[in-house]
Amino acid sequence: MSEHSLDDTVRALAILLADRIEADRPGEPMAEVARIELCAELADGEQPLYGQLLAATVVPRQTGTRALYAAALRRQVGVR
């Protein structure tokens, strides 16, 4: 896999992560454990991809909801 397509893959997975987080209990607090578990699930066991997805996603703030986290994540990867 080329570096460019890997970047595209990580970006696409980050957008999918934001979509899934927002669709599931958007008003509840976003927990770090949820980010870690979803990144692992989306990377499907591919260790380099998992690490890159974790690095590409922001750590949730303790006071933020899942919907706010999803919005911040979309902004981070360039989706409005």
N, C-alpha and C. Protein backbone atom coordinates (compact mmCIF):
# COMPACT_ATOMS: atom_id res chain seq x y z
N MET A 1 0.86 -1.18 0.00
CA MET A 1 0.00 0.00 0.00
C MET A 1 0.90 1.24 0.00
N SER A 2 0.62 2.18 -0.86
CA SER A 2 1.44 3.38 -0.93
C SER A 2 1.13 4.31 0.24
N GLU A 3 2.07 5.23 0.50
CA GLU A 3 1.88 6.18 1.59
C GLU A 3 0.64 7.04 1.35
N HIS A 4 0.43 7.46 0.10
CA HIS A 4 -0.72 8.30 -0.22
C HIS A 4 -2.02 7.55 0.02
N SER A 5 -2.12 6.30 -0.43
CA SER A 5 -3.37 5.57 -0.24
C SER A 5 -3.59 5.22 1.23
N LEU A 6 -2.50 5.05 2.00
CA LEU A 6 -2.65 4.81 3.43
C LEU A 6 -3.21 6.05 4.11
N ASP A 7 -2.70 7.23 3.73
CA ASP A 7 -3.25 8.47 4.27
C ASP A 7 -4.73 8.58 3.93
N ASP A 8 -5.08 8.25 2.71
CA ASP A 8 -6.49 8.28 2.30
C ASP A 8 -7.31 7.28 3.10
N THR A 9 -6.72 6.10 3.36
CA THR A 9 -7.41 5.08 4.13
C THR A 9 -7.65 5.55 5.56
N VAL A 10 -6.63 6.12 6.18
CA VAL A 10 -6.76 6.61 7.56
C VAL A 10 -7.81 7.72 7.61
N ARG A 11 -7.78 8.62 6.64
CA ARG A 11 -8.77 9.70 6.61
C ARG A 11 -10.19 9.14 6.46
N ALA A 12 -10.35 8.19 5.56
CA ALA A 12 -11.68 7.58 5.36
C ALA A 12 -12.15 6.87 6.62
N LEU A 13 -11.24 6.18 7.29
CA LEU A 13 -11.62 5.49 8.53
C LEU A 13 -11.94 6.48 9.65
N ALA A 14 -11.24 7.60 9.70
CA ALA A 14 -11.54 8.62 10.70
C ALA A 14 -12.93 9.21 10.47
N ILE A 15 -13.29 9.40 9.21
CA ILE A 15 -14.64 9.90 8.89
C ILE A 15 -15.69 8.86 9.28
N LEU A 16 -15.43 7.61 8.98
CA LEU A 16 -16.33 6.53 9.37
C LEU A 16 -16.45 6.46 10.89
N LEU A 17 -15.35 6.63 11.58
CA LEU A 17 -15.36 6.64 13.04
C LEU A 17 -16.27 7.75 13.55
N ALA A 18 -16.14 8.95 12.99
CA ALA A 18 -16.99 10.07 13.39
C ALA A 18 -18.46 9.76 13.13
N ASP A 19 -18.76 9.18 11.99
CA ASP A 19 -20.14 8.83 11.66
C ASP A 19 -20.72 7.84 12.66
N ARG A 20 -19.94 6.82 12.99
CA ARG A 20 -20.42 5.79 13.91
C ARG A 20 -20.61 6.33 15.32
N ILE A 21 -19.69 7.17 15.76
CA ILE A 21 -19.79 7.76 17.10
C ILE A 21 -21.01 8.65 17.20
N GLU A 22 -21.24 9.47 16.19
CA GLU A 22 -22.38 10.39 16.22
C GLU A 22 -23.71 9.65 16.13
N ALA A 23 -23.74 8.55 15.41
CA ALA A 23 -24.99 7.80 15.24
C ALA A 23 -25.38 7.02 16.50
N ASP A 24 -24.42 6.73 17.35
CA ASP A 24 -24.67 5.92 18.54
C ASP A 24 -24.58 6.78 19.80
N ARG A 25 -25.70 7.14 20.36
CA ARG A 25 -25.80 7.92 21.62
C ARG A 25 -25.06 9.25 21.53
N PRO A 26 -25.44 10.12 20.61
CA PRO A 26 -24.71 11.37 20.38
C PRO A 26 -24.69 12.32 21.59
N GLY A 27 -25.65 12.24 22.46
CA GLY A 27 -25.70 13.14 23.61
C GLY A 27 -24.91 12.67 24.82
N GLU A 28 -24.42 11.46 24.76
CA GLU A 28 -23.66 10.92 25.89
C GLU A 28 -22.20 11.34 25.82
N PRO A 29 -21.51 11.30 26.96
CA PRO A 29 -20.09 11.67 26.96
C PRO A 29 -19.27 10.72 26.09
N MET A 30 -18.25 11.27 25.44
CA MET A 30 -17.34 10.46 24.64
C MET A 30 -16.19 10.00 25.52
N ALA A 31 -15.97 8.70 25.58
CA ALA A 31 -14.92 8.13 26.41
C ALA A 31 -13.74 7.71 25.55
N GLU A 32 -12.55 7.83 26.10
CA GLU A 32 -11.33 7.41 25.41
C GLU A 32 -11.38 5.93 25.06
N VAL A 33 -11.93 5.12 25.93
CA VAL A 33 -12.00 3.69 25.67
C VAL A 33 -12.83 3.40 24.41
N ALA A 34 -13.86 4.19 24.16
CA ALA A 34 -14.67 4.01 22.95
C ALA A 34 -13.85 4.32 21.70
N ARG A 35 -13.04 5.37 21.75
CA ARG A 35 -12.18 5.72 20.62
C ARG A 35 -11.19 4.59 20.34
N ILE A 36 -10.58 4.07 21.38
CA ILE A 36 -9.59 3.00 21.22
C ILE A 36 -10.24 1.74 20.64
N GLU A 37 -11.39 1.36 21.18
CA GLU A 37 -12.07 0.15 20.70
C GLU A 37 -12.53 0.30 19.25
N LEU A 38 -13.10 1.45 18.91
CA LEU A 38 -13.57 1.65 17.54
C LEU A 38 -12.41 1.73 16.55
N CYS A 39 -11.31 2.34 16.94
CA CYS A 39 -10.13 2.37 16.06
C CYS A 39 -9.64 0.95 15.80
N ALA A 40 -9.59 0.13 16.84
CA ALA A 40 -9.15 -1.26 16.68
C ALA A 40 -10.09 -2.02 15.76
N GLU A 41 -11.39 -1.81 15.94
CA GLU A 41 -12.38 -2.50 15.10
C GLU A 41 -12.26 -2.07 13.65
N LEU A 42 -12.14 -0.77 13.42
CA LEU A 42 -12.06 -0.27 12.04
C LEU A 42 -10.75 -0.65 11.36
N ALA A 43 -9.67 -0.77 12.12
CA ALA A 43 -8.38 -1.17 11.54
C ALA A 43 -8.34 -2.67 11.28
N ASP A 44 -9.29 -3.40 11.79
CA ASP A 44 -9.44 -4.84 11.55
C ASP A 44 -8.15 -5.62 11.82
N GLY A 45 -7.52 -5.29 12.95
CA GLY A 45 -6.35 -6.05 13.37
C GLY A 45 -5.05 -5.68 12.69
N GLU A 46 -5.08 -4.73 11.78
CA GLU A 46 -3.84 -4.32 11.09
C GLU A 46 -3.11 -3.31 11.98
N GLN A 47 -2.06 -3.78 12.64
CA GLN A 47 -1.35 -2.98 13.63
C GLN A 47 -0.86 -1.62 13.12
N PRO A 48 -0.18 -1.54 11.99
CA PRO A 48 0.26 -0.20 11.56
C PRO A 48 -0.94 0.74 11.33
N LEU A 49 -1.99 0.22 10.74
CA LEU A 49 -3.17 1.03 10.47
C LEU A 49 -3.83 1.48 11.77
N TYR A 50 -3.92 0.59 12.73
CA TYR A 50 -4.50 0.92 14.04
C TYR A 50 -3.73 2.07 14.69
N GLY A 51 -2.43 1.98 14.71
CA GLY A 51 -1.62 3.03 15.30
C GLY A 51 -1.77 4.36 14.59
N GLN A 52 -1.84 4.31 13.28
CA GLN A 52 -2.01 5.54 12.51
C GLN A 52 -3.39 6.14 12.73
N LEU A 53 -4.40 5.30 12.85
CA LEU A 53 -5.75 5.81 13.10
C LEU A 53 -5.83 6.44 14.49
N LEU A 54 -5.22 5.81 15.47
CA LEU A 54 -5.18 6.42 16.81
C LEU A 54 -4.48 7.77 16.77
N ALA A 55 -3.36 7.83 16.05
CA ALA A 55 -2.59 9.07 15.97
C ALA A 55 -3.36 10.17 15.22
N ALA A 56 -4.21 9.77 14.30
CA ALA A 56 -4.95 10.74 13.48
C ALA A 56 -6.23 11.25 14.13
N THR A 57 -6.61 10.64 15.24
CA THR A 57 -7.86 11.03 15.90
C THR A 57 -7.56 11.72 17.22
N VAL A 58 -8.34 12.74 17.51
CA VAL A 58 -8.13 13.51 18.73
C VAL A 58 -8.56 12.71 19.96
N VAL A 59 -7.90 12.96 21.07
CA VAL A 59 -8.29 12.34 22.34
C VAL A 59 -9.51 13.10 22.85
N PRO A 60 -10.57 12.38 23.24
CA PRO A 60 -11.79 13.07 23.71
C PRO A 60 -11.55 13.86 24.99
N ARG A 61 -12.18 15.00 25.07
CA ARG A 61 -12.18 15.77 26.32
C ARG A 61 -13.20 15.16 27.26
N GLN A 62 -12.97 15.27 28.53
CA GLN A 62 -13.87 14.65 29.51
C GLN A 62 -15.26 15.28 29.51
N THR A 63 -15.39 16.51 29.08
CA THR A 63 -16.68 17.19 29.13
C THR A 63 -17.45 17.14 27.82
N GLY A 64 -16.88 16.52 26.79
CA GLY A 64 -17.50 16.55 25.47
C GLY A 64 -18.44 15.39 25.22
N THR A 65 -19.48 15.65 24.44
CA THR A 65 -20.40 14.59 24.04
C THR A 65 -19.86 13.87 22.82
N ARG A 66 -20.48 12.77 22.52
CA ARG A 66 -20.08 12.01 21.34
C ARG A 66 -20.30 12.83 20.06
N ALA A 67 -21.39 13.60 20.01
CA ALA A 67 -21.66 14.44 18.83
C ALA A 67 -20.59 15.53 18.68
N LEU A 68 -20.18 16.15 19.78
CA LEU A 68 -19.15 17.17 19.72
C LEU A 68 -17.81 16.56 19.30
N TYR A 69 -17.53 15.38 19.80
CA TYR A 69 -16.29 14.70 19.42
C TYR A 69 -16.29 14.39 17.93
N ALA A 70 -17.40 13.89 17.42
CA ALA A 70 -17.50 13.56 16.00
C ALA A 70 -17.29 14.81 15.15
N ALA A 71 -17.86 15.93 15.55
CA ALA A 71 -17.68 17.18 14.82
C ALA A 71 -16.21 17.62 14.83
N ALA A 72 -15.55 17.50 15.99
CA ALA A 72 -14.13 17.87 16.09
C ALA A 72 -13.28 16.96 15.23
N LEU A 73 -13.61 15.70 15.20
CA LEU A 73 -12.86 14.75 14.39
C LEU A 73 -13.02 15.05 12.91
N ARG A 74 -14.22 15.37 12.49
CA ARG A 74 -14.44 15.73 11.08
C ARG A 74 -13.65 16.98 10.70
N ARG A 75 -13.64 17.98 11.59
CA ARG A 75 -12.85 19.19 11.32
C ARG A 75 -11.37 18.84 11.20
N GLN A 76 -10.89 17.96 12.05
CA GLN A 76 -9.49 17.59 12.05
C GLN A 76 -9.07 16.95 10.73
N VAL A 77 -9.95 16.17 10.12
CA VAL A 77 -9.60 15.51 8.86
C VAL A 77 -10.09 16.28 7.63
N GLY A 78 -10.62 17.49 7.86
CA GLY A 78 -10.98 18.36 6.75
C GLY A 78 -12.37 18.18 6.19
N VAL A 79 -13.28 17.67 7.00
CA VAL A 79 -14.69 17.54 6.58
C VAL A 79 -15.51 18.48 7.43
N ARG A 80 -16.30 19.29 6.82
CA ARG A 80 -17.12 20.25 7.56
C ARG A 80 -18.48 19.72 7.83
